[in-house]
Amino acid sequence: MLVTLPTLARWKSRTGHRVMAGLLGVALAGCSTLPAPPTQTTASTATQQRIQRLQARQAFALEAKLAVQYAGKGYTARLEWQHDAQEDTMRIFSPLGQQVALIHRTPQTVTLTDQSGKQHTAADVASLTERLLGWRLPLAGLSQWILGTPHRDSPFQANYLENGAPASLTQDQWQITYDDYQQTALNGALEQLPYTTRLQQQDVRLKLVIQHW
């Protein structure tokens, strides 16, 4: 998903460290851990209603800070993401504000355009990022996880807060943890949405901090 400042064509021919350094260029600072709030594993009526509402959402747009930890290194970038049932458009910017990648998903294919204008295609984002970066970006799940809800296509486990939102989810071998929620207007309706989302699978760690829904 994320792009080196030279071109994507050189990604796999260079070391993983150099790929990620060229991509984002700024070290990710360590993060403190807050005390865990009380949770429960049983979905309440409020939880079930919340899941139904959010899984029915067909569209959103957000801006976020993205942090990546992979292969012992850490980097940051800025993300603009527009999502609906048929398309995703992601724009990735360096810390200096330069667009380094444009990802466009349709039901048929995914295209990634790098900084030089070269296009790379695959059947899905996960395959594309695995080929170019060595790890899979879980876009299909992320479009629901970023809202604080599981997707419909596979089993999951969760710990829920008193307000019905999850404190954490485990799905598709990803561990998703939510640090905080804020009441936010989403397509004209107020919802408690996560503002800091952490994802981990093996040695890949992602952190998204919402700047604007």
Protein backbone atom coordinates (compact mmCIF):
# COMPACT_ATOMS: atom_id res chain seq x y z
CA MET A 1 0.00 0.00 0.00
CA LEU A 2 2.75 2.44 0.89
CA VAL A 3 5.35 3.69 -1.54
CA THR A 4 9.05 4.45 -1.63
CA LEU A 5 10.08 7.86 -2.86
CA PRO A 6 11.98 6.43 -5.86
CA THR A 7 9.60 3.92 -7.52
CA LEU A 8 7.69 0.83 -6.55
CA ALA A 9 9.55 -1.19 -9.14
CA ARG A 10 12.66 -1.29 -6.91
CA TRP A 11 10.86 -2.30 -3.72
CA LYS A 12 11.41 -6.03 -3.73
CA SER A 13 14.96 -5.74 -5.08
CA ARG A 14 16.08 -3.71 -2.06
CA THR A 15 16.10 -4.56 1.60
CA GLY A 16 12.83 -4.29 3.51
CA HIS A 17 14.33 -1.63 5.75
CA ARG A 18 15.21 0.60 2.84
CA VAL A 19 11.76 0.11 1.32
CA MET A 20 9.99 1.28 4.45
CA ALA A 21 12.48 4.07 5.10
CA GLY A 22 11.95 5.44 1.61
CA LEU A 23 8.22 5.10 2.08
CA LEU A 24 7.68 7.09 5.21
CA GLY A 25 10.97 8.40 6.46
CA VAL A 26 10.10 9.28 10.06
CA ALA A 27 10.62 7.01 13.05
CA LEU A 28 7.58 5.99 15.05
CA ALA A 29 7.94 7.01 18.65
CA GLY A 30 7.09 4.54 21.40
CA CYS A 31 3.55 4.69 22.79
CA SER A 32 2.50 4.45 26.40
CA THR A 33 -0.15 1.95 27.44
CA LEU A 34 -3.24 3.15 29.29
CA PRO A 35 -4.99 1.05 31.95
CA ALA A 36 -7.56 -1.26 30.37
CA PRO A 37 -11.22 -0.32 31.04
CA PRO A 38 -13.62 -3.00 32.32
CA THR A 39 -14.96 -5.18 29.51
CA GLN A 40 -17.23 -8.16 28.88
CA THR A 41 -17.16 -10.88 26.21
CA THR A 42 -20.93 -11.22 25.82
CA ALA A 43 -22.58 -8.97 23.23
CA SER A 44 -25.37 -6.93 24.80
CA THR A 45 -28.45 -5.74 22.97
CA ALA A 46 -26.77 -2.34 22.54
CA THR A 47 -23.73 -4.08 21.05
CA GLN A 48 -25.83 -6.08 18.59
CA GLN A 49 -27.73 -2.99 17.50
CA ARG A 50 -24.49 -1.05 17.05
CA ILE A 51 -22.97 -3.81 14.92
CA GLN A 52 -26.07 -3.93 12.70
CA ARG A 53 -26.06 -0.16 12.20
CA LEU A 54 -22.37 0.08 11.36
CA GLN A 55 -22.24 -2.99 9.14
CA ALA A 56 -25.03 -1.39 7.11
CA ARG A 57 -22.95 1.73 6.47
CA GLN A 58 -22.08 1.91 2.80
CA ALA A 59 -19.73 4.88 2.79
CA PHE A 60 -17.35 6.99 4.82
CA ALA A 61 -14.46 9.38 4.34
CA LEU A 62 -11.65 9.99 6.80
CA GLU A 63 -8.25 11.55 7.29
CA ALA A 64 -5.83 9.85 9.65
CA LYS A 65 -2.25 9.57 10.76
CA LEU A 66 -0.84 6.15 9.95
CA ALA A 67 2.04 4.52 11.82
CA VAL A 68 3.66 1.27 10.72
CA GLN A 69 6.01 -1.01 12.64
CA TYR A 70 7.52 -3.81 10.59
CA ALA A 71 10.80 -5.71 10.62
CA GLY A 72 12.02 -3.79 13.64
CA LYS A 73 11.49 -0.32 12.15
CA GLY A 74 8.79 2.32 12.58
CA TYR A 75 7.44 4.98 10.22
CA THR A 76 4.59 7.47 9.90
CA ALA A 77 2.47 8.95 7.10
CA ARG A 78 -0.84 10.68 6.50
CA LEU A 79 -3.81 8.86 4.96
CA GLU A 80 -6.91 10.12 3.14
CA TRP A 81 -9.45 7.36 2.58
CA GLN A 82 -12.81 7.41 0.79
CA HIS A 83 -14.80 4.17 1.00
CA ASP A 84 -18.11 2.86 -0.29
CA ALA A 85 -19.48 -0.55 -1.19
CA GLN A 86 -18.03 -0.44 -4.70
CA GLU A 87 -14.83 1.58 -4.44
CA ASP A 88 -11.97 2.59 -2.20
CA THR A 89 -9.64 5.49 -2.87
CA MET A 90 -6.60 5.88 -0.60
CA ARG A 91 -4.04 8.62 -0.85
CA ILE A 92 -0.81 8.27 1.12
CA PHE A 93 1.30 11.32 1.93
CA SER A 94 4.81 11.60 3.31
CA PRO A 95 5.36 13.57 6.53
CA LEU A 96 6.34 16.52 4.31
CA GLY A 97 2.98 16.43 2.52
CA GLN A 98 4.05 14.82 -0.76
CA GLN A 99 1.67 12.22 -2.20
CA VAL A 100 3.62 8.99 -2.55
CA ALA A 101 0.83 6.53 -3.39
CA LEU A 102 -2.70 6.43 -4.76
CA ILE A 103 -4.67 3.20 -4.32
CA HIS A 104 -7.95 2.70 -6.15
CA ARG A 105 -10.07 -0.40 -5.59
CA THR A 106 -13.03 -1.46 -7.72
CA PRO A 107 -14.93 -4.80 -7.61
CA GLN A 108 -12.66 -6.04 -10.42
CA THR A 109 -9.16 -4.90 -9.50
CA VAL A 110 -6.87 -2.75 -7.41
CA THR A 111 -4.50 -0.19 -8.92
CA LEU A 112 -1.66 1.48 -7.07
CA THR A 113 -0.09 4.52 -8.73
CA ASP A 114 3.30 5.46 -7.35
CA GLN A 115 4.98 8.84 -7.15
CA SER A 116 6.41 8.56 -10.65
CA GLY A 117 3.01 7.72 -12.15
CA LYS A 118 3.69 4.03 -12.68
CA GLN A 119 0.68 1.77 -12.04
CA HIS A 120 0.73 -1.62 -10.33
CA THR A 121 -2.34 -3.87 -10.33
CA ALA A 122 -3.61 -6.91 -8.43
CA ALA A 123 -6.89 -8.61 -7.63
CA ASP A 124 -6.98 -7.12 -4.13
CA VAL A 125 -5.07 -4.80 -1.82
CA ALA A 126 -3.79 -7.64 0.36
CA SER A 127 -2.13 -9.34 -2.64
CA LEU A 128 -0.69 -6.06 -3.88
CA THR A 129 0.87 -5.06 -0.56
CA GLU A 130 2.18 -8.58 0.02
CA ARG A 131 3.91 -8.48 -3.36
CA LEU A 132 5.36 -5.01 -2.93
CA LEU A 133 5.95 -4.77 0.81
CA GLY A 134 6.09 -8.34 2.03
CA TRP A 135 2.99 -8.09 4.26
CA ARG A 136 -0.75 -7.96 3.62
CA LEU A 137 -2.84 -4.86 4.30
CA PRO A 138 -6.30 -6.17 5.34
CA LEU A 139 -8.41 -3.60 3.51
CA ALA A 140 -11.58 -5.71 3.40
CA GLY A 141 -11.61 -6.08 7.17
CA LEU A 142 -10.18 -2.66 7.87
CA SER A 143 -13.15 -0.89 6.28
CA GLN A 144 -15.26 -2.29 9.15
CA TRP A 145 -12.64 -2.45 11.90
CA ILE A 146 -11.95 1.26 11.54
CA LEU A 147 -15.61 1.84 12.51
CA GLY A 148 -15.21 -0.33 15.60
CA THR A 149 -17.12 -3.37 14.36
CA PRO A 150 -16.31 -6.82 12.90
CA HIS A 151 -17.05 -7.62 9.28
CA ARG A 152 -19.60 -10.27 8.31
CA ASP A 153 -17.40 -12.71 6.42
CA SER A 154 -15.56 -14.61 9.16
CA PRO A 155 -15.84 -15.51 12.87
CA PHE A 156 -14.51 -13.11 15.49
CA GLN A 157 -13.99 -12.70 19.21
CA ALA A 158 -14.42 -9.42 21.07
CA ASN A 159 -14.29 -7.71 24.44
CA TYR A 160 -16.96 -5.03 24.79
CA LEU A 161 -17.12 -1.79 26.72
CA GLU A 162 -20.15 -0.75 28.73
CA ASN A 163 -21.43 1.40 25.86
CA GLY A 164 -21.53 -1.62 23.52
CA ALA A 165 -18.44 -0.71 21.48
CA PRO A 166 -15.54 -3.19 21.39
CA ALA A 167 -12.39 -2.60 23.39
CA SER A 168 -10.73 -5.24 21.20
CA LEU A 169 -11.47 -7.63 18.33
CA THR A 170 -9.75 -10.70 16.97
CA GLN A 171 -10.64 -11.57 13.38
CA ASP A 172 -8.81 -12.98 10.36
CA GLN A 173 -5.75 -13.54 12.58
CA TRP A 174 -5.56 -9.80 13.31
CA GLN A 175 -5.73 -8.40 16.83
CA ILE A 176 -7.50 -5.01 16.80
CA THR A 177 -7.42 -2.77 19.87
CA TYR A 178 -9.28 0.52 20.35
CA ASP A 179 -7.74 3.14 22.63
CA ASP A 180 -10.55 5.68 22.63
CA TYR A 181 -13.94 6.59 21.17
CA GLN A 182 -15.64 9.90 20.41
CA GLN A 183 -19.21 10.71 19.44
CA THR A 184 -19.08 11.59 15.75
CA ALA A 185 -21.52 12.30 12.94
CA LEU A 186 -21.29 9.57 10.32
CA ASN A 187 -23.50 10.09 7.28
CA GLY A 188 -25.85 12.25 9.32
CA ALA A 189 -26.13 9.92 12.35
CA LEU A 190 -24.25 10.21 15.65
CA GLU A 191 -22.14 7.20 16.58
CA GLN A 192 -19.38 6.40 19.05
CA LEU A 193 -16.46 5.83 16.68
CA PRO A 194 -12.86 4.90 17.45
CA TYR A 195 -10.21 7.57 17.15
CA THR A 196 -7.18 5.39 17.81
CA THR A 197 -7.10 1.90 16.30
CA ARG A 198 -4.19 -0.50 16.63
CA LEU A 199 -3.79 -3.66 14.55
CA GLN A 200 -1.27 -6.44 14.97
CA GLN A 201 -0.52 -9.65 13.10
CA GLN A 202 2.77 -11.35 13.92
CA ASP A 203 5.48 -8.68 13.56
CA VAL A 204 3.30 -6.19 11.63
CA ARG A 205 1.76 -3.39 13.70
CA LEU A 206 -0.42 -0.62 12.34
CA LYS A 207 -1.81 2.37 14.19
CA LEU A 208 -4.42 4.77 12.80
CA VAL A 209 -5.27 7.99 14.61
CA ILE A 210 -8.31 9.70 13.13
CA GLN A 211 -7.95 13.42 12.42
CA HIS A 212 -11.31 13.89 10.71
CA TRP A 213 -14.34 11.75 9.84
